[in-house]
PDB file of N, CA and C in Angstrom:
ATOM      1  N   MET A   1       7.297  35.890 -51.650  1.00  0.00           N
ATOM      2  CA  MET A   1       8.533  35.215 -51.991  1.00  0.00           C
ATOM      3  C   MET A   1       9.470  35.247 -50.783  1.00  0.00           C
ATOM      4  N   SER A   2      10.149  34.158 -50.538  1.00  0.00           N
ATOM      5  CA  SER A   2      11.049  34.070 -49.392  1.00  0.00           C
ATOM      6  C   SER A   2      12.406  34.690 -49.724  1.00  0.00           C
ATOM      7  N   THR A   3      13.084  35.109 -48.669  1.00  0.00           N
ATOM      8  CA  THR A   3      14.411  35.714 -48.791  1.00  0.00           C
ATOM      9  C   THR A   3      15.386  34.909 -47.948  1.00  0.00           C
ATOM     10  N   LEU A   4      16.559  34.645 -48.499  1.00  0.00           N
ATOM     11  CA  LEU A   4      17.608  33.911 -47.792  1.00  0.00           C
ATOM     12  C   LEU A   4      18.446  34.896 -46.994  1.00  0.00           C
ATOM     13  N   MET A   5      18.560  34.664 -45.688  1.00  0.00           N
ATOM     14  CA  MET A   5      19.341  35.532 -44.814  1.00  0.00           C
ATOM     15  C   MET A   5      20.285  34.693 -43.964  1.00  0.00           C
ATOM     16  N   ASP A   6      21.350  35.312 -43.501  1.00  0.00           N
ATOM     17  CA  ASP A   6      22.257  34.685 -42.538  1.00  0.00           C
ATOM     18  C   ASP A   6      22.713  33.303 -42.997  1.00  0.00           C
ATOM     19  N   ASN A   7      23.335  33.250 -44.155  1.00  0.00           N
ATOM     20  CA  ASN A   7      23.855  32.007 -44.718  1.00  0.00           C
ATOM     21  C   ASN A   7      25.276  31.787 -44.184  1.00  0.00           C
ATOM     22  N   HIS A   8      25.542  30.636 -43.562  1.00  0.00           N
ATOM     23  CA  HIS A   8      26.893  30.330 -43.077  1.00  0.00           C
ATOM     24  C   HIS A   8      27.145  28.824 -43.109  1.00  0.00           C
ATOM     25  N   SER A   9      28.412  28.480 -43.027  1.00  0.00           N
ATOM     26  CA  SER A   9      28.812  27.074 -43.090  1.00  0.00           C
ATOM     27  C   SER A   9      29.659  26.706 -41.883  1.00  0.00           C
ATOM     28  N   THR A  10      29.627  25.429 -41.557  1.00  0.00           N
ATOM     29  CA  THR A  10      30.461  24.875 -40.499  1.00  0.00           C
ATOM     30  C   THR A  10      31.197  23.662 -41.060  1.00  0.00           C
ATOM     31  N   LEU A  11      32.467  23.567 -40.750  1.00  0.00           N
ATOM     32  CA  LEU A  11      33.292  22.430 -41.145  1.00  0.00           C
ATOM     33  C   LEU A  11      33.448  21.532 -39.934  1.00  0.00           C
ATOM     34  N   LYS A  12      33.160  20.245 -40.102  1.00  0.00           N
ATOM     35  CA  LYS A  12      33.293  19.291 -38.994  1.00  0.00           C
ATOM     36  C   LYS A  12      34.271  18.192 -39.383  1.00  0.00           C
ATOM     37  N   LEU A  13      35.256  17.989 -38.529  1.00  0.00           N
ATOM     38  CA  LEU A  13      36.229  16.912 -38.723  1.00  0.00           C
ATOM     39  C   LEU A  13      35.929  15.808 -37.716  1.00  0.00           C
ATOM     40  N   LYS A  14      35.692  14.623 -38.212  1.00  0.00           N
ATOM     41  CA  LYS A  14      35.483  13.463 -37.339  1.00  0.00           C
ATOM     42  C   LYS A  14      36.829  12.749 -37.252  1.00  0.00           C
ATOM     43  N   LEU A  15      37.353  12.642 -36.028  1.00  0.00           N
ATOM     44  CA  LEU A  15      38.682  12.081 -35.794  1.00  0.00           C
ATOM     45  C   LEU A  15      38.574  10.757 -35.052  1.00  0.00           C
ATOM     46  N   GLU A  16      39.326   9.780 -35.523  1.00  0.00           N
ATOM     47  CA  GLU A  16      39.343   8.459 -34.886  1.00  0.00           C
ATOM     48  C   GLU A  16      40.291   8.524 -33.692  1.00  0.00           C
ATOM     49  N   THR A  17      39.708   8.408 -32.489  1.00  0.00           N
ATOM     50  CA  THR A  17      40.489   8.604 -31.266  1.00  0.00           C
ATOM     51  C   THR A  17      40.960   7.317 -30.607  1.00  0.00           C
ATOM     52  N   GLY A  18      40.492   6.178 -31.077  1.00  0.00           N
ATOM     53  CA  GLY A  18      40.901   4.909 -30.488  1.00  0.00           C
ATOM     54  C   GLY A  18      39.870   3.832 -30.745  1.00  0.00           C
ATOM     55  N   THR A  19      39.844   2.849 -29.842  1.00  0.00           N
ATOM     56  CA  THR A  19      38.878   1.760 -29.960  1.00  0.00           C
ATOM     57  C   THR A  19      38.233   1.514 -28.597  1.00  0.00           C
ATOM     58  N   ASN A  20      37.018   0.976 -28.638  1.00  0.00           N
ATOM     59  CA  ASN A  20      36.331   0.634 -27.386  1.00  0.00           C
ATOM     60  C   ASN A  20      36.640  -0.818 -27.020  1.00  0.00           C
ATOM     61  N   ALA A  21      36.001  -1.328 -25.977  1.00  0.00           N
ATOM     62  CA  ALA A  21      36.252  -2.685 -25.492  1.00  0.00           C
ATOM     63  C   ALA A  21      35.916  -3.753 -26.527  1.00  0.00           C
ATOM     64  N   LYS A  22      34.987  -3.461 -27.422  1.00  0.00           N
ATOM     65  CA  LYS A  22      34.607  -4.409 -28.481  1.00  0.00           C
ATOM     66  C   LYS A  22      35.526  -4.331 -29.698  1.00  0.00           C
ATOM     67  N   GLY A  23      36.429  -3.370 -29.687  1.00  0.00           N
ATOM     68  CA  GLY A  23      37.336  -3.209 -30.818  1.00  0.00           C
ATOM     69  C   GLY A  23      36.811  -2.276 -31.899  1.00  0.00           C
ATOM     70  N   ASP A  24      35.647  -1.657 -31.655  1.00  0.00           N
ATOM     71  CA  ASP A  24      35.090  -0.702 -32.605  1.00  0.00           C
ATOM     72  C   ASP A  24      35.789   0.647 -32.459  1.00  0.00           C
ATOM     73  N   ALA A  25      35.902   1.361 -33.567  1.00  0.00           N
ATOM     74  CA  ALA A  25      36.543   2.674 -33.541  1.00  0.00           C
ATOM     75  C   ALA A  25      35.708   3.662 -32.738  1.00  0.00           C
ATOM     76  N   THR A  26      36.391   4.501 -31.961  1.00  0.00           N
ATOM     77  CA  THR A  26      35.735   5.604 -31.267  1.00  0.00           C
ATOM     78  C   THR A  26      36.186   6.895 -31.932  1.00  0.00           C
ATOM     79  N   CYS A  27      35.279   7.849 -32.000  1.00  0.00           N
ATOM     80  CA  CYS A  27      35.567   9.092 -32.709  1.00  0.00           C
ATOM     81  C   CYS A  27      35.148  10.299 -31.889  1.00  0.00           C
ATOM     82  N   SER A  28      35.777  11.425 -32.180  1.00  0.00           N
ATOM     83  CA  SER A  28      35.343  12.709 -31.642  1.00  0.00           C
ATOM     84  C   SER A  28      35.249  13.668 -32.822  1.00  0.00           C
ATOM     85  N   THR A  29      34.515  14.746 -32.619  1.00  0.00           N
ATOM     86  CA  THR A  29      34.292  15.711 -33.690  1.00  0.00           C
ATOM     87  C   THR A  29      34.796  17.073 -33.275  1.00  0.00           C
ATOM     88  N   LYS A  30      35.499  17.734 -34.188  1.00  0.00           N
ATOM     89  CA  LYS A  30      35.920  19.118 -33.992  1.00  0.00           C
ATOM     90  C   LYS A  30      35.190  19.952 -35.029  1.00  0.00           C
ATOM     91  N   SER A  31      34.588  21.042 -34.573  1.00  0.00           N
ATOM     92  CA  SER A  31      33.813  21.903 -35.462  1.00  0.00           C
ATOM     93  C   SER A  31      34.499  23.248 -35.620  1.00  0.00           C
ATOM     94  N   PHE A  32      34.461  23.777 -36.839  1.00  0.00           N
ATOM     95  CA  PHE A  32      35.037  25.075 -37.157  1.00  0.00           C
ATOM     96  C   PHE A  32      33.950  25.912 -37.813  1.00  0.00           C
ATOM     97  N   GLY A  33      33.486  26.929 -37.110  1.00  0.00           N
ATOM     98  CA  GLY A  33      32.422  27.785 -37.615  1.00  0.00           C
ATOM     99  C   GLY A  33      32.981  28.976 -38.370  1.00  0.00           C
ATOM    100  N   GLY A  34      32.078  29.768 -38.928  1.00  0.00           N
ATOM    101  CA  GLY A  34      32.490  30.974 -39.637  1.00  0.00           C
ATOM    102  C   GLY A  34      33.115  30.694 -40.982  1.00  0.00           C
ATOM    103  N   ILE A  35      32.831  29.542 -41.548  1.00  0.00           N
ATOM    104  CA  ILE A  35      33.378  29.173 -42.852  1.00  0.00           C
ATOM    105  C   ILE A  35      32.595  29.904 -43.939  1.00  0.00           C
ATOM    106  N   ASN A  36      33.299  30.465 -44.892  1.00  0.00           N
ATOM    107  CA  ASN A  36      32.670  31.172 -46.006  1.00  0.00           C
ATOM    108  C   ASN A  36      31.790  30.202 -46.792  1.00  0.00           C
ATOM    109  N   PRO A  37      30.489  30.453 -46.883  1.00  0.00           N
ATOM    110  CA  PRO A  37      29.607  29.526 -47.595  1.00  0.00           C
ATOM    111  C   PRO A  37      29.839  29.498 -49.105  1.00  0.00           C
ATOM    112  N   GLU A  38      30.595  30.455 -49.620  1.00  0.00           N
ATOM    113  CA  GLU A  38      30.876  30.484 -51.052  1.00  0.00           C
ATOM    114  C   GLU A  38      32.030  29.569 -51.459  1.00  0.00           C
ATOM    115  N   LEU A  39      32.722  28.985 -50.475  1.00  0.00           N
ATOM    116  CA  LEU A  39      33.797  28.044 -50.796  1.00  0.00           C
ATOM    117  C   LEU A  39      33.209  26.817 -51.489  1.00  0.00           C
ATOM    118  N   THR A  40      33.931  26.307 -52.480  1.00  0.00           N
ATOM    119  CA  THR A  40      33.494  25.079 -53.131  1.00  0.00           C
ATOM    120  C   THR A  40      33.798  23.896 -52.213  1.00  0.00           C
ATOM    121  N   ASP A  41      33.192  22.772 -52.510  1.00  0.00           N
ATOM    122  CA  ASP A  41      33.465  21.564 -51.724  1.00  0.00           C
ATOM    123  C   ASP A  41      34.936  21.170 -51.819  1.00  0.00           C
ATOM    124  N   ASP A  42      35.538  21.315 -53.001  1.00  0.00           N
ATOM    125  CA  ASP A  42      36.952  20.977 -53.171  1.00  0.00           C
ATOM    126  C   ASP A  42      37.848  21.895 -52.342  1.00  0.00           C
ATOM    127  N   GLU A  43      37.524  23.188 -52.301  1.00  0.00           N
ATOM    128  CA  GLU A  43      38.306  24.128 -51.497  1.00  0.00           C
ATOM    129  C   GLU A  43      38.187  23.787 -50.011  1.00  0.00           C
ATOM    130  N   LEU A  44      36.979  23.476 -49.588  1.00  0.00           N
ATOM    131  CA  LEU A  44      36.756  23.144 -48.184  1.00  0.00           C
ATOM    132  C   LEU A  44      37.456  21.839 -47.804  1.00  0.00           C
ATOM    133  N   LEU A  45      37.473  20.879 -48.713  1.00  0.00           N
ATOM    134  CA  LEU A  45      38.176  19.626 -48.451  1.00  0.00           C
ATOM    135  C   LEU A  45      39.678  19.859 -48.326  1.00  0.00           C
ATOM    136  N   GLY A  46      40.217  20.772 -49.122  1.00  0.00           N
ATOM    137  CA  GLY A  46      41.635  21.130 -49.004  1.00  0.00           C
ATOM    138  C   GLY A  46      41.954  21.734 -47.645  1.00  0.00           C
ATOM    139  N   ILE A  47      41.057  22.580 -47.157  1.00  0.00           N
ATOM    140  CA  ILE A  47      41.226  23.172 -45.826  1.00  0.00           C
ATOM    141  C   ILE A  47      41.148  22.082 -44.759  1.00  0.00           C
ATOM    142  N   ALA A  48      40.191  21.171 -44.917  1.00  0.00           N
ATOM    143  CA  ALA A  48      40.039  20.072 -43.960  1.00  0.00           C
ATOM    144  C   ALA A  48      41.293  19.206 -43.922  1.00  0.00           C
ATOM    145  N   ASP A  49      41.865  18.929 -45.077  1.00  0.00           N
ATOM    146  CA  ASP A  49      43.101  18.134 -45.123  1.00  0.00           C
ATOM    147  C   ASP A  49      44.238  18.841 -44.394  1.00  0.00           C
ATOM    148  N   GLY A  50      44.322  20.157 -44.566  1.00  0.00           N
ATOM    149  CA  GLY A  50      45.354  20.928 -43.871  1.00  0.00           C
ATOM    150  C   GLY A  50      45.155  20.906 -42.368  1.00  0.00           C
ATOM    151  N   LEU A  51      43.915  21.077 -41.924  1.00  0.00           N
ATOM    152  CA  LEU A  51      43.622  21.034 -40.487  1.00  0.00           C
ATOM    153  C   LEU A  51      43.840  19.636 -39.914  1.00  0.00           C
ATOM    154  N   ALA A  52      43.513  18.617 -40.694  1.00  0.00           N
ATOM    155  CA  ALA A  52      43.703  17.237 -40.228  1.00  0.00           C
ATOM    156  C   ALA A  52      45.178  16.946 -39.972  1.00  0.00           C
ATOM    157  N   GLY A  53      46.040  17.552 -40.752  1.00  0.00           N
ATOM    158  CA  GLY A  53      47.476  17.371 -40.557  1.00  0.00           C
ATOM    159  C   GLY A  53      47.976  17.943 -39.250  1.00  0.00           C
ATOM    160  N   LEU A  54      47.209  18.836 -38.651  1.00  0.00           N
ATOM    161  CA  LEU A  54      47.587  19.439 -37.376  1.00  0.00           C
ATOM    162  C   LEU A  54      47.033  18.678 -36.174  1.00  0.00           C
ATOM    163  N   GLN A  55      46.225  17.667 -36.429  1.00  0.00           N
ATOM    164  CA  GLN A  55      45.591  16.900 -35.358  1.00  0.00           C
ATOM    165  C   GLN A  55      46.452  15.703 -34.964  1.00  0.00           C
ATOM    166  N   SER A  56      46.290  15.254 -33.730  1.00  0.00           N
ATOM    167  CA  SER A  56      47.060  14.096 -33.264  1.00  0.00           C
ATOM    168  C   SER A  56      46.362  12.775 -33.601  1.00  0.00           C
ATOM    169  N   HIS A  57      45.099  12.825 -34.051  1.00  0.00           N
ATOM    170  CA  HIS A  57      44.345  11.625 -34.399  1.00  0.00           C
ATOM    171  C   HIS A  57      44.064  11.589 -35.901  1.00  0.00           C
ATOM    172  N   ALA A  58      43.799  10.388 -36.404  1.00  0.00           N
ATOM    173  CA  ALA A  58      43.543  10.200 -37.836  1.00  0.00           C
ATOM    174  C   ALA A  58      42.164  10.735 -38.226  1.00  0.00           C
ATOM    175  N   LEU A  59      42.092  11.325 -39.402  1.00  0.00           N
ATOM    176  CA  LEU A  59      40.834  11.843 -39.931  1.00  0.00           C
ATOM    177  C   LEU A  59      39.973  10.693 -40.436  1.00  0.00           C
ATOM    178  N   ALA A  60      38.724  10.632 -39.957  1.00  0.00           N
ATOM    179  CA  ALA A  60      37.806   9.576 -40.378  1.00  0.00           C
ATOM    180  C   ALA A  60      36.758  10.094 -41.359  1.00  0.00           C
ATOM    181  N   GLU A  61      36.364  11.373 -41.215  1.00  0.00           N
ATOM    182  CA  GLU A  61      35.285  11.903 -42.036  1.00  0.00           C
ATOM    183  C   GLU A  61      35.309  13.420 -42.013  1.00  0.00           C
ATOM    184  N   VAL A  62      34.882  14.035 -43.123  1.00  0.00           N
ATOM    185  CA  VAL A  62      34.754  15.489 -43.217  1.00  0.00           C
ATOM    186  C   VAL A  62      33.299  15.800 -43.545  1.00  0.00           C
ATOM    187  N   ASP A  63      32.694  16.691 -42.747  1.00  0.00           N
ATOM    188  CA  ASP A  63      31.307  17.094 -42.973  1.00  0.00           C
ATOM    189  C   ASP A  63      31.240  18.603 -43.195  1.00  0.00           C
ATOM    190  N   ARG A  64      30.359  18.995 -44.104  1.00  0.00           N
ATOM    191  CA  ARG A  64      30.059  20.401 -44.322  1.00  0.00           C
ATOM    192  C   ARG A  64      28.586  20.598 -43.964  1.00  0.00           C
ATOM    193  N   VAL A  65      28.333  21.563 -43.087  1.00  0.00           N
ATOM    194  CA  VAL A  65      26.974  21.866 -42.681  1.00  0.00           C
ATOM    195  C   VAL A  65      26.678  23.310 -43.091  1.00  0.00           C
ATOM    196  N   ASP A  66      25.762  23.474 -44.059  1.00  0.00           N
ATOM    197  CA  ASP A  66      25.343  24.781 -44.510  1.00  0.00           C
ATOM    198  C   ASP A  66      24.025  25.129 -43.835  1.00  0.00           C
ATOM    199  N   THR A  67      23.955  26.324 -43.250  1.00  0.00           N
ATOM    200  CA  THR A  67      22.765  26.757 -42.537  1.00  0.00           C
ATOM    201  C   THR A  67      22.312  28.112 -43.100  1.00  0.00           C
ATOM    202  N   SER A  68      21.014  28.203 -43.332  1.00  0.00           N
ATOM    203  CA  SER A  68      20.425  29.452 -43.819  1.00  0.00           C
ATOM    204  C   SER A  68      19.132  29.719 -43.077  1.00  0.00           C
ATOM    205  N   VAL A  69      18.818  30.989 -42.929  1.00  0.00           N
ATOM    206  CA  VAL A  69      17.559  31.407 -42.324  1.00  0.00           C
ATOM    207  C   VAL A  69      16.703  31.972 -43.447  1.00  0.00           C
ATOM    208  N   LEU A  70      15.489  31.466 -43.561  1.00  0.00           N
ATOM    209  CA  LEU A  70      14.557  31.936 -44.581  1.00  0.00           C
ATOM    210  C   LEU A  70      13.594  32.924 -43.957  1.00  0.00           C
ATOM    211  N   SER A  71      13.323  33.982 -44.678  1.00  0.00           N
ATOM    212  CA  SER A  71      12.387  34.991 -44.220  1.00  0.00           C
ATOM    213  C   SER A  71      11.311  35.180 -45.284  1.00  0.00           C
ATOM    214  N   ALA A  72      10.083  35.285 -44.829  1.00  0.00           N
ATOM    215  CA  ALA A  72       8.978  35.463 -45.776  1.00  0.00           C
ATOM    216  C   ALA A  72       8.816  36.912 -46.163  1.00  0.00           C
TER     217      ALA A  72
END
Protein backbone atom coordinates (compact mmCIF):
# COMPACT_ATOMS: atom_id res chain seq x y z
CA MET A 1 0.00 0.00 0.00
CA SER A 2 1.30 3.46 -0.86
CA THR A 3 1.82 6.24 1.66
CA LEU A 4 1.29 9.95 1.01
CA MET A 5 4.24 12.08 2.12
CA ASP A 6 5.29 15.71 1.78
CA ASN A 7 1.91 17.14 0.78
CA HIS A 8 2.03 20.89 -0.03
CA SER A 9 0.25 23.50 -2.11
CA THR A 10 1.28 26.47 -4.21
CA LEU A 11 -0.90 29.46 -5.03
CA LYS A 12 -0.32 31.05 -8.44
CA LEU A 13 -1.69 34.44 -9.46
CA LYS A 14 -1.76 35.18 -13.18
CA LEU A 15 -1.63 38.96 -13.64
CA GLU A 16 -2.49 40.85 -16.81
CA THR A 17 0.54 43.08 -17.41
CA GLY A 18 -0.41 44.72 -20.70
CA THR A 19 -0.85 43.94 -24.37
CA ASN A 20 1.48 42.83 -27.15
CA ALA A 21 1.78 44.31 -30.66
CA LYS A 22 -1.25 42.29 -31.83
CA GLY A 23 -3.37 43.62 -28.99
CA ASP A 24 -3.43 40.30 -27.11
CA ALA A 25 -3.15 40.37 -23.33
CA THR A 26 0.26 39.62 -21.83
CA CYS A 27 0.48 38.02 -18.41
CA SER A 28 2.99 37.20 -15.71
CA THR A 29 2.66 34.73 -12.86
CA LYS A 30 3.49 35.16 -9.19
CA SER A 31 3.79 32.01 -7.11
CA PHE A 32 3.37 31.67 -3.35
CA GLY A 33 4.64 28.42 -1.87
CA GLY A 34 4.18 26.92 1.57
CA ILE A 35 0.40 27.12 1.38
CA ASN A 36 -1.40 24.86 3.85
CA PRO A 37 -2.86 22.01 1.76
CA GLU A 38 -5.78 21.71 4.19
CA LEU A 39 -7.18 25.10 3.12
CA THR A 40 -10.43 24.84 1.18
CA ASP A 41 -10.65 26.25 -2.32
CA ASP A 42 -12.90 29.06 -1.03
CA GLU A 43 -10.38 29.98 1.69
CA LEU A 44 -7.54 29.99 -0.83
CA LEU A 45 -9.55 32.13 -3.24
CA GLY A 46 -10.12 34.65 -0.43
CA ILE A 47 -6.37 34.80 0.16
CA ALA A 48 -5.78 35.22 -3.58
CA ASP A 49 -8.25 38.11 -3.71
CA GLY A 50 -6.44 39.80 -0.83
CA LEU A 51 -3.05 39.36 -2.49
CA ALA A 52 -4.43 40.56 -5.82
CA GLY A 53 -5.44 43.81 -4.15
CA LEU A 54 -1.79 44.42 -3.34
CA GLN A 55 -0.65 44.01 -6.95
CA SER A 56 -0.29 46.81 -9.49
CA HIS A 57 -1.76 44.65 -12.31
CA ALA A 58 -5.23 43.15 -12.74
CA LEU A 59 -5.83 39.55 -11.69
CA ALA A 60 -6.55 37.29 -14.67
CA GLU A 61 -6.52 33.83 -13.10
CA VAL A 62 -5.95 31.97 -9.82
CA ASP A 63 -4.35 28.51 -9.83
CA ARG A 64 -3.89 26.03 -7.01
CA VAL A 65 -1.19 23.41 -7.46
CA ASP A 66 -1.25 20.52 -4.97
CA THR A 67 1.86 18.33 -4.89
CA SER A 68 2.34 15.06 -3.04
CA VAL A 69 5.08 12.45 -2.93
CA LEU A 70 3.93 8.84 -2.90
CA SER A 71 5.98 6.17 -1.21
CA ALA A 72 5.50 2.45 -1.61
